[in-house]
Amino acid sequence: MSTGQRNGWRMEADRIRGLDGIRAFAILGVFYTHFVDENSLLGDLAVRTFFILSAFLITGKLLVLRDAEGFNFAALRSFYARRALRLLPTYYAMVLALAAIGLVTIRDGLFYHLAFLSNVWFAMGMNWNPWVLAHIWTLSVEWQFYLIWPLVVLNCANRSVALAAAGAIAIALAFWLGCYVTGYYPDNMVLWSPFSLDAFGVGALTFFYSGVLARTVRTRLIAAILPAALWSALQLVETDGRPRFLVVVDLLLQILPLLPMAILIAITASGTSPILNRILGARPLAYLGRISYGCYLYHFPMLWLMMHIMWQVFDYPLKRGIVQLVVVAIPTIAFSALSWKFMERPIQKWGAGRQKAAQAKITA
């Protein structure tokens, strides 16, 4: 059994707390960008971290399914059943609740959001209406990735899967290059799925090459060079406003953080840095990472609710800043914890029980 396969079995067996810590920092980055500084790059970096981490873990789990069952509809059904039970109940509960109180209507693209086509809706509309669902374009992109990637992994050898991941990166780069060559770069262009394929491709390749990425000497060298390059790119944003040039800058800002994040994920998953794992695996961070899906899902609807309450009850306009961060993030985390305990976790346990019962029938 290869190293990648052993990692897959490990990820299947138990949760890696350090990876939950990475999720925690990512959701805090989202909070900071959405509640404090809309121009901060932390939110974009956080979203791409979620994409890398998702592809990393999903690739491992799919390889476990492929090696155990081969490519068949049972394996595919097992994967989609797990993903659906993990993501869909809370998602649909939130969207339908917002529809019930009139914040999202058919004219606001309700059916797009229900079909995980929010990125298409926002990209075509060239605006963020309805804004309470503006964040879920990332979930749509992720589900669109899920429609294709399982077919690749379950039906191909490891080498072909790695080549497909590299191809995904090449596709993303080609789309960016197309924007630069044509000069066509609307604000919502990056919402289309191909622009995120590089993060998913890096995540998948991280699974296959985690041993190389986690080597100490190379890690130190790359981790020292790339943040400096990223900082240099940031400075360029402030000194030149030409649209075609900004496409190049945006490309750099998208691509440069991917390798450091891949290295961090590889080191954390491999357990080669006890200090790093101790920090990222600290109980508060690990717990926040565990409920991070709910935090991400609910934070904009919670923002609407708290803005409404602060204005109606206290006659206080809740503006972007530290106050908004505190007032919205705390109830968002609390509500996400309740969602995890009373809805998400019980559904997962129920699904796991059904799967074990089905496997028992097969082996009986």
Protein backbone atom coordinates (compact mmCIF):
# COMPACT_ATOMS: atom_id res chain seq x y z
CA MET A 1 0.00 0.00 0.00
CA SER A 2 1.39 3.43 -0.98
CA THR A 3 1.92 6.36 1.36
CA GLY A 4 -1.01 8.14 -0.19
CA GLN A 5 -3.25 5.15 0.40
CA ARG A 6 -2.11 4.84 4.01
CA ASN A 7 -2.88 8.54 4.50
CA GLY A 8 -6.29 7.91 2.98
CA TRP A 9 -6.98 5.10 5.43
CA ARG A 10 -5.85 7.33 8.28
CA MET A 11 -8.13 10.16 7.19
CA GLU A 12 -10.98 7.73 6.85
CA ALA A 13 -10.38 6.35 10.34
CA ASP A 14 -10.24 9.52 12.36
CA ARG A 15 -10.31 13.27 12.15
CA ILE A 16 -7.01 15.11 12.03
CA ARG A 17 -7.38 17.86 14.61
CA GLY A 18 -4.61 20.00 13.10
CA LEU A 19 -6.60 20.28 9.87
CA ASP A 20 -9.55 21.50 11.91
CA GLY A 21 -7.22 24.19 13.24
CA ILE A 22 -6.49 25.29 9.66
CA ARG A 23 -10.23 25.45 9.04
CA ALA A 24 -10.58 27.61 12.15
CA PHE A 25 -8.04 30.16 10.92
CA ALA A 26 -9.72 30.13 7.52
CA ILE A 27 -13.15 30.94 8.92
CA LEU A 28 -11.64 33.70 11.06
CA GLY A 29 -10.16 35.13 7.87
CA VAL A 30 -13.60 35.08 6.26
CA PHE A 31 -15.07 36.84 9.30
CA TYR A 32 -12.39 39.53 9.22
CA THR A 33 -12.88 40.28 5.52
CA HIS A 34 -16.67 40.32 5.65
CA PHE A 35 -17.09 42.13 8.96
CA VAL A 36 -14.03 44.40 9.28
CA ASP A 37 -12.13 45.08 6.05
CA GLU A 38 -13.73 44.19 2.73
CA ASN A 39 -10.46 44.91 0.92
CA SER A 40 -8.53 42.34 2.95
CA LEU A 41 -7.16 39.36 1.06
CA LEU A 42 -7.71 37.07 4.04
CA GLY A 43 -11.17 36.09 2.84
CA ASP A 44 -9.94 35.06 -0.60
CA LEU A 45 -7.05 33.15 0.92
CA ALA A 46 -9.44 31.44 3.34
CA VAL A 47 -11.78 30.33 0.56
CA ARG A 48 -8.92 28.90 -1.47
CA THR A 49 -7.62 27.16 1.65
CA PHE A 50 -11.00 25.49 2.03
CA PHE A 51 -10.82 24.42 -1.63
CA ILE A 52 -7.31 22.95 -1.25
CA LEU A 53 -8.22 21.16 1.96
CA SER A 54 -11.44 19.81 0.47
CA ALA A 55 -9.69 18.39 -2.61
CA PHE A 56 -6.92 16.95 -0.43
CA LEU A 57 -9.33 15.06 1.83
CA ILE A 58 -11.82 14.10 -0.87
CA THR A 59 -9.08 12.64 -3.06
CA GLY A 60 -7.89 10.47 -0.18
CA LYS A 61 -11.37 9.23 0.63
CA LEU A 62 -12.15 8.49 -3.00
CA LEU A 63 -8.93 6.48 -3.35
CA VAL A 64 -9.95 4.45 -0.31
CA LEU A 65 -13.31 3.73 -1.96
CA ARG A 66 -11.68 2.88 -5.28
CA ASP A 67 -9.16 0.47 -3.72
CA ALA A 68 -11.84 -1.17 -1.58
CA GLU A 69 -14.69 -1.43 -4.08
CA GLY A 70 -13.30 -0.46 -7.50
CA PHE A 71 -15.25 1.80 -9.82
CA ASN A 72 -18.92 0.99 -9.53
CA PHE A 73 -22.13 2.78 -8.81
CA ALA A 74 -22.09 1.56 -5.22
CA ALA A 75 -18.82 3.40 -4.56
CA LEU A 76 -20.10 6.51 -6.28
CA ARG A 77 -23.36 6.35 -4.38
CA SER A 78 -21.48 5.91 -1.10
CA PHE A 79 -19.40 9.04 -1.77
CA TYR A 80 -22.35 11.22 -2.72
CA ALA A 81 -24.43 9.94 0.18
CA ARG A 82 -21.73 10.97 2.65
CA ARG A 83 -21.27 14.39 1.07
CA ALA A 84 -25.01 14.97 0.87
CA LEU A 85 -25.59 14.07 4.51
CA ARG A 86 -22.73 16.31 5.59
CA LEU A 87 -23.58 19.39 3.54
CA LEU A 88 -27.15 19.43 2.25
CA PRO A 89 -29.47 19.41 5.31
CA THR A 90 -28.07 22.58 6.88
CA TYR A 91 -27.66 24.24 3.50
CA TYR A 92 -31.23 23.67 2.39
CA ALA A 93 -32.57 24.49 5.84
CA MET A 94 -30.85 27.88 5.69
CA VAL A 95 -31.85 28.73 2.09
CA LEU A 96 -35.47 27.68 2.60
CA ALA A 97 -35.66 29.59 5.89
CA LEU A 98 -34.46 32.74 4.13
CA ALA A 99 -37.02 32.12 1.38
CA ALA A 100 -39.77 31.65 3.96
CA ILE A 101 -39.16 35.11 5.46
CA GLY A 102 -38.89 36.74 2.04
CA LEU A 103 -35.17 37.48 1.92
CA VAL A 104 -34.71 35.20 -1.09
CA THR A 105 -37.35 34.92 -3.82
CA ILE A 106 -37.64 33.27 -7.21
CA ARG A 107 -36.66 36.60 -8.76
CA ASP A 108 -33.51 36.48 -6.61
CA GLY A 109 -32.47 33.21 -8.19
CA LEU A 110 -33.92 30.86 -5.57
CA PHE A 111 -33.82 27.87 -7.91
CA TYR A 112 -30.20 28.62 -8.82
CA HIS A 113 -29.28 28.58 -5.15
CA LEU A 114 -31.20 25.36 -4.53
CA ALA A 115 -29.41 23.74 -7.49
CA PHE A 116 -25.94 24.84 -6.32
CA LEU A 117 -25.60 27.29 -9.19
CA SER A 118 -25.19 30.41 -7.06
CA ASN A 119 -21.88 31.23 -8.72
CA VAL A 120 -23.62 31.22 -12.11
CA TRP A 121 -26.39 33.47 -10.79
CA PHE A 122 -24.02 36.05 -9.32
CA ALA A 123 -21.65 35.94 -12.29
CA MET A 124 -24.43 36.45 -14.85
CA GLY A 125 -26.19 39.10 -12.80
CA MET A 126 -22.98 41.09 -12.25
CA ASN A 127 -24.13 41.93 -8.72
CA TRP A 128 -24.48 40.35 -5.28
CA ASN A 129 -28.25 40.21 -5.00
CA PRO A 130 -29.42 38.64 -2.70
CA TRP A 131 -26.46 39.62 -0.52
CA VAL A 132 -27.45 37.27 2.32
CA LEU A 133 -26.44 34.40 0.01
CA ALA A 134 -23.46 36.12 -1.62
CA HIS A 135 -21.03 33.80 0.15
CA ILE A 136 -22.49 30.50 -1.01
CA TRP A 137 -21.05 30.79 -4.51
CA THR A 138 -18.05 28.91 -3.08
CA LEU A 139 -20.27 25.99 -2.07
CA SER A 140 -21.67 25.87 -5.60
CA VAL A 141 -18.16 25.76 -7.04
CA GLU A 142 -17.29 22.95 -4.65
CA TRP A 143 -20.34 20.89 -5.59
CA GLN A 144 -19.58 21.36 -9.27
CA PHE A 145 -16.12 19.98 -8.54
CA TYR A 146 -17.75 17.01 -6.80
CA LEU A 147 -19.72 16.19 -9.95
CA ILE A 148 -16.54 15.53 -11.92
CA TRP A 149 -13.72 14.58 -9.59
CA PRO A 150 -15.18 11.31 -8.19
CA LEU A 151 -15.54 10.00 -11.74
CA VAL A 152 -11.87 10.74 -12.37
CA VAL A 153 -10.49 9.26 -9.16
CA LEU A 154 -12.67 6.16 -9.06
CA ASN A 155 -12.01 5.31 -12.67
CA CYS A 156 -8.27 6.07 -13.02
CA ALA A 157 -4.94 4.90 -11.69
CA ASN A 158 -3.04 7.17 -9.30
CA ARG A 159 -0.76 8.52 -12.02
CA SER A 160 -3.70 9.50 -14.19
CA VAL A 161 -5.44 11.14 -11.25
CA ALA A 162 -2.32 13.21 -10.55
CA LEU A 163 -2.12 14.20 -14.22
CA ALA A 164 -5.79 15.22 -14.12
CA ALA A 165 -5.07 17.41 -11.08
CA ALA A 166 -2.20 19.06 -12.94
CA GLY A 167 -4.55 19.53 -15.89
CA ALA A 168 -7.04 21.29 -13.61
CA ILE A 169 -4.32 23.76 -12.63
CA ALA A 170 -3.46 24.30 -16.30
CA ILE A 171 -7.13 24.99 -17.13
CA ALA A 172 -7.33 27.67 -14.43
CA LEU A 173 -4.14 29.29 -15.66
CA ALA A 174 -5.47 29.21 -19.23
CA PHE A 175 -8.63 31.05 -18.18
CA TRP A 176 -6.59 33.70 -16.41
CA LEU A 177 -4.39 34.04 -19.48
CA GLY A 178 -7.47 34.40 -21.64
CA CYS A 179 -8.66 37.30 -19.49
CA TYR A 180 -5.30 38.99 -19.83
CA VAL A 181 -5.06 38.52 -23.60
CA THR A 182 -8.62 39.65 -24.34
CA GLY A 183 -8.74 42.39 -21.71
CA TYR A 184 -12.18 41.07 -20.69
CA TYR A 185 -12.23 40.95 -16.92
CA PRO A 186 -15.57 41.78 -15.24
CA ASP A 187 -15.59 41.87 -11.45
CA ASN A 188 -17.51 38.60 -11.03
CA MET A 189 -15.54 36.65 -13.63
CA VAL A 190 -13.69 34.61 -11.00
CA LEU A 191 -16.97 33.12 -9.77
CA TRP A 192 -16.98 30.69 -12.69
CA SER A 193 -15.71 27.25 -11.66
CA PRO A 194 -12.65 27.05 -13.97
CA PHE A 195 -10.99 29.91 -12.10
CA SER A 196 -10.95 27.80 -8.91
CA LEU A 197 -9.65 24.60 -10.47
CA ASP A 198 -6.07 25.51 -9.59
CA ALA A 199 -6.85 25.33 -5.86
CA PHE A 200 -8.63 21.99 -6.26
CA GLY A 201 -5.78 20.67 -8.40
CA VAL A 202 -3.19 21.74 -5.84
CA GLY A 203 -5.21 20.05 -3.10
CA ALA A 204 -5.32 16.76 -5.00
CA LEU A 205 -1.60 16.90 -5.82
CA THR A 206 -0.85 17.68 -2.18
CA PHE A 207 -2.33 14.31 -1.28
CA PHE A 208 -0.04 12.47 -3.69
CA TYR A 209 3.10 14.46 -2.87
CA SER A 210 2.56 15.20 0.80
CA GLY A 211 5.81 13.42 1.69
CA VAL A 212 7.85 15.73 -0.55
CA LEU A 213 6.02 18.88 0.56
CA ALA A 214 6.53 18.06 4.24
CA ARG A 215 10.33 17.82 3.98
CA THR A 216 11.85 20.38 6.32
CA VAL A 217 14.59 21.94 4.16
CA ARG A 218 12.41 22.55 1.14
CA THR A 219 9.59 23.74 3.34
CA ARG A 220 11.70 26.46 4.93
CA LEU A 221 13.03 27.66 1.60
CA ILE A 222 9.66 27.84 -0.15
CA ALA A 223 7.86 29.27 2.87
CA ALA A 224 10.44 32.08 3.04
CA ILE A 225 10.33 33.02 -0.66
CA LEU A 226 6.63 32.92 -1.51
CA PRO A 227 5.25 35.23 1.19
CA ALA A 228 7.83 37.83 0.12
CA ALA A 229 6.70 37.47 -3.49
CA LEU A 230 3.07 37.79 -2.41
CA TRP A 231 3.85 40.96 -0.46
CA SER A 232 5.58 42.44 -3.52
CA ALA A 233 2.48 41.70 -5.61
CA LEU A 234 0.33 43.43 -3.00
CA GLN A 235 2.39 46.58 -3.32
CA LEU A 236 1.86 46.58 -7.07
CA VAL A 237 -1.90 46.73 -6.58
CA GLU A 238 -1.57 50.16 -4.99
CA THR A 239 0.80 51.64 -7.58
CA ASP A 240 -0.82 50.68 -10.87
CA GLY A 241 -4.48 50.63 -11.76
CA ARG A 242 -4.44 49.51 -15.38
CA PRO A 243 -7.17 46.84 -15.87
CA ARG A 244 -4.98 44.47 -17.90
CA PHE A 245 -2.22 44.74 -15.35
CA LEU A 246 -4.62 44.04 -12.50
CA VAL A 247 -5.47 40.71 -14.12
CA VAL A 248 -1.82 39.70 -13.73
CA VAL A 249 -1.77 40.92 -10.14
CA ASP A 250 -4.97 39.03 -9.34
CA LEU A 251 -3.45 35.92 -10.89
CA LEU A 252 -0.36 36.26 -8.69
CA LEU A 253 -2.49 36.78 -5.61
CA GLN A 254 -4.49 33.69 -6.49
CA ILE A 255 -1.55 31.42 -7.30
CA LEU A 256 1.24 32.42 -4.92
CA PRO A 257 -0.47 31.40 -1.64
CA LEU A 258 -1.38 27.93 -2.91
CA LEU A 259 1.99 26.27 -2.37
CA PRO A 260 2.51 27.55 1.21
CA MET A 261 -1.00 26.37 2.10
CA ALA A 262 -0.33 22.99 0.47
CA ILE A 263 2.87 22.68 2.51
CA LEU A 264 1.04 23.57 5.71
CA ILE A 265 -1.68 21.00 5.02
CA ALA A 266 0.87 18.32 4.10
CA ILE A 267 2.90 18.88 7.28
CA THR A 268 -0.20 18.91 9.45
CA ALA A 269 -1.68 15.77 7.90
CA SER A 270 1.61 13.87 8.07
CA GLY A 271 2.19 14.78 11.71
CA THR A 272 5.88 15.59 11.09
CA SER A 273 5.74 18.79 13.16
CA PRO A 274 4.57 18.13 16.74
CA ILE A 275 4.71 21.83 17.60
CA LEU A 276 2.56 22.82 14.64
CA ASN A 277 0.09 20.04 15.36
CA ARG A 278 -0.06 21.08 19.01
CA ILE A 279 -0.91 24.65 18.02
CA LEU A 280 -3.40 23.85 15.29
CA GLY A 281 -4.86 20.95 17.26
CA ALA A 282 -5.60 23.03 20.36
CA ARG A 283 -9.12 22.26 21.54
CA PRO A 284 -10.68 25.71 20.92
CA LEU A 285 -9.25 25.91 17.40
CA ALA A 286 -10.10 22.30 16.60
CA TYR A 287 -13.67 22.80 17.76
CA LEU A 288 -14.08 26.01 15.77
CA GLY A 289 -12.75 24.18 12.73
CA ARG A 290 -15.19 21.36 13.29
CA ILE A 291 -18.15 23.72 13.20
CA SER A 292 -16.61 25.95 10.51
CA TYR A 293 -19.07 24.79 7.84
CA GLY A 294 -21.94 26.15 9.90
CA CYS A 295 -20.00 29.32 10.67
CA TYR A 296 -19.47 29.90 6.98
CA LEU A 297 -23.02 29.02 6.06
CA TYR A 298 -24.74 31.18 8.65
CA HIS A 299 -22.51 34.25 8.95
CA PHE A 300 -24.22 36.44 6.34
CA PRO A 301 -27.79 35.62 7.46
CA MET A 302 -26.62 36.30 11.02
CA LEU A 303 -25.19 39.63 9.86
CA TRP A 304 -28.61 40.56 8.44
CA LEU A 305 -30.31 39.51 11.69
CA MET A 306 -27.93 41.42 13.96
CA MET A 307 -28.08 44.53 11.78
CA HIS A 308 -31.87 44.36 11.97
CA ILE A 309 -31.86 43.87 15.77
CA MET A 310 -29.30 46.60 16.43
CA TRP A 311 -31.25 49.10 14.34
CA GLN A 312 -34.75 48.21 15.54
CA VAL A 313 -33.94 47.71 19.22
CA PHE A 314 -30.97 49.98 19.86
CA ASP A 315 -31.29 52.46 16.97
CA TYR A 316 -27.67 51.67 16.14
CA PRO A 317 -26.42 51.22 12.57
CA LEU A 318 -24.09 48.23 12.70
CA LYS A 319 -21.28 49.35 10.42
CA ARG A 320 -18.25 47.38 9.27
CA GLY A 321 -15.53 47.20 11.92
CA ILE A 322 -14.48 45.50 15.13
CA VAL A 323 -17.90 46.07 16.70
CA GLN A 324 -19.59 44.28 13.81
CA LEU A 325 -17.06 41.46 14.05
CA VAL A 326 -17.82 40.89 17.73
CA VAL A 327 -21.58 41.40 17.50
CA VAL A 328 -22.00 39.03 14.54
CA ALA A 329 -19.22 36.46 14.97
CA ILE A 330 -20.15 35.45 18.53
CA PRO A 331 -23.81 34.53 17.80
CA THR A 332 -22.73 32.94 14.51
CA ILE A 333 -20.32 30.63 16.34
CA ALA A 334 -22.91 29.90 19.04
CA PHE A 335 -25.61 29.08 16.49
CA SER A 336 -23.18 26.94 14.51
CA ALA A 337 -22.33 24.99 17.65
CA LEU A 338 -26.03 24.29 18.21
CA SER A 339 -26.44 23.34 14.57
CA TRP A 340 -23.52 20.92 14.85
CA LYS A 341 -24.81 19.30 18.02
CA PHE A 342 -28.49 19.01 17.21
CA MET A 343 -28.59 18.67 13.43
CA GLU A 344 -25.29 18.06 11.63
CA ARG A 345 -23.74 15.52 13.99
CA PRO A 346 -26.93 13.45 14.54
CA ILE A 347 -27.48 13.26 10.77
CA GLN A 348 -23.89 12.10 10.27
CA LYS A 349 -24.26 9.41 12.94
CA TRP A 350 -27.52 8.26 11.38
CA GLY A 351 -25.87 8.03 7.97
CA ALA A 352 -22.88 6.15 9.36
CA GLY A 353 -25.23 3.69 11.06
CA ARG A 354 -27.13 3.04 7.85
CA GLN A 355 -23.90 2.50 5.95
CA LYS A 356 -22.62 -0.03 8.50
CA ALA A 357 -25.93 -1.86 8.39
CA ALA A 358 -25.77 -2.01 4.58
CA GLN A 359 -22.20 -3.35 4.67
CA ALA A 360 -23.21 -5.94 7.24
CA LYS A 361 -25.94 -7.20 4.92
CA ILE A 362 -23.48 -7.46 2.02
CA THR A 363 -20.93 -9.46 4.04
CA ALA A 364 -23.51 -11.65 5.75
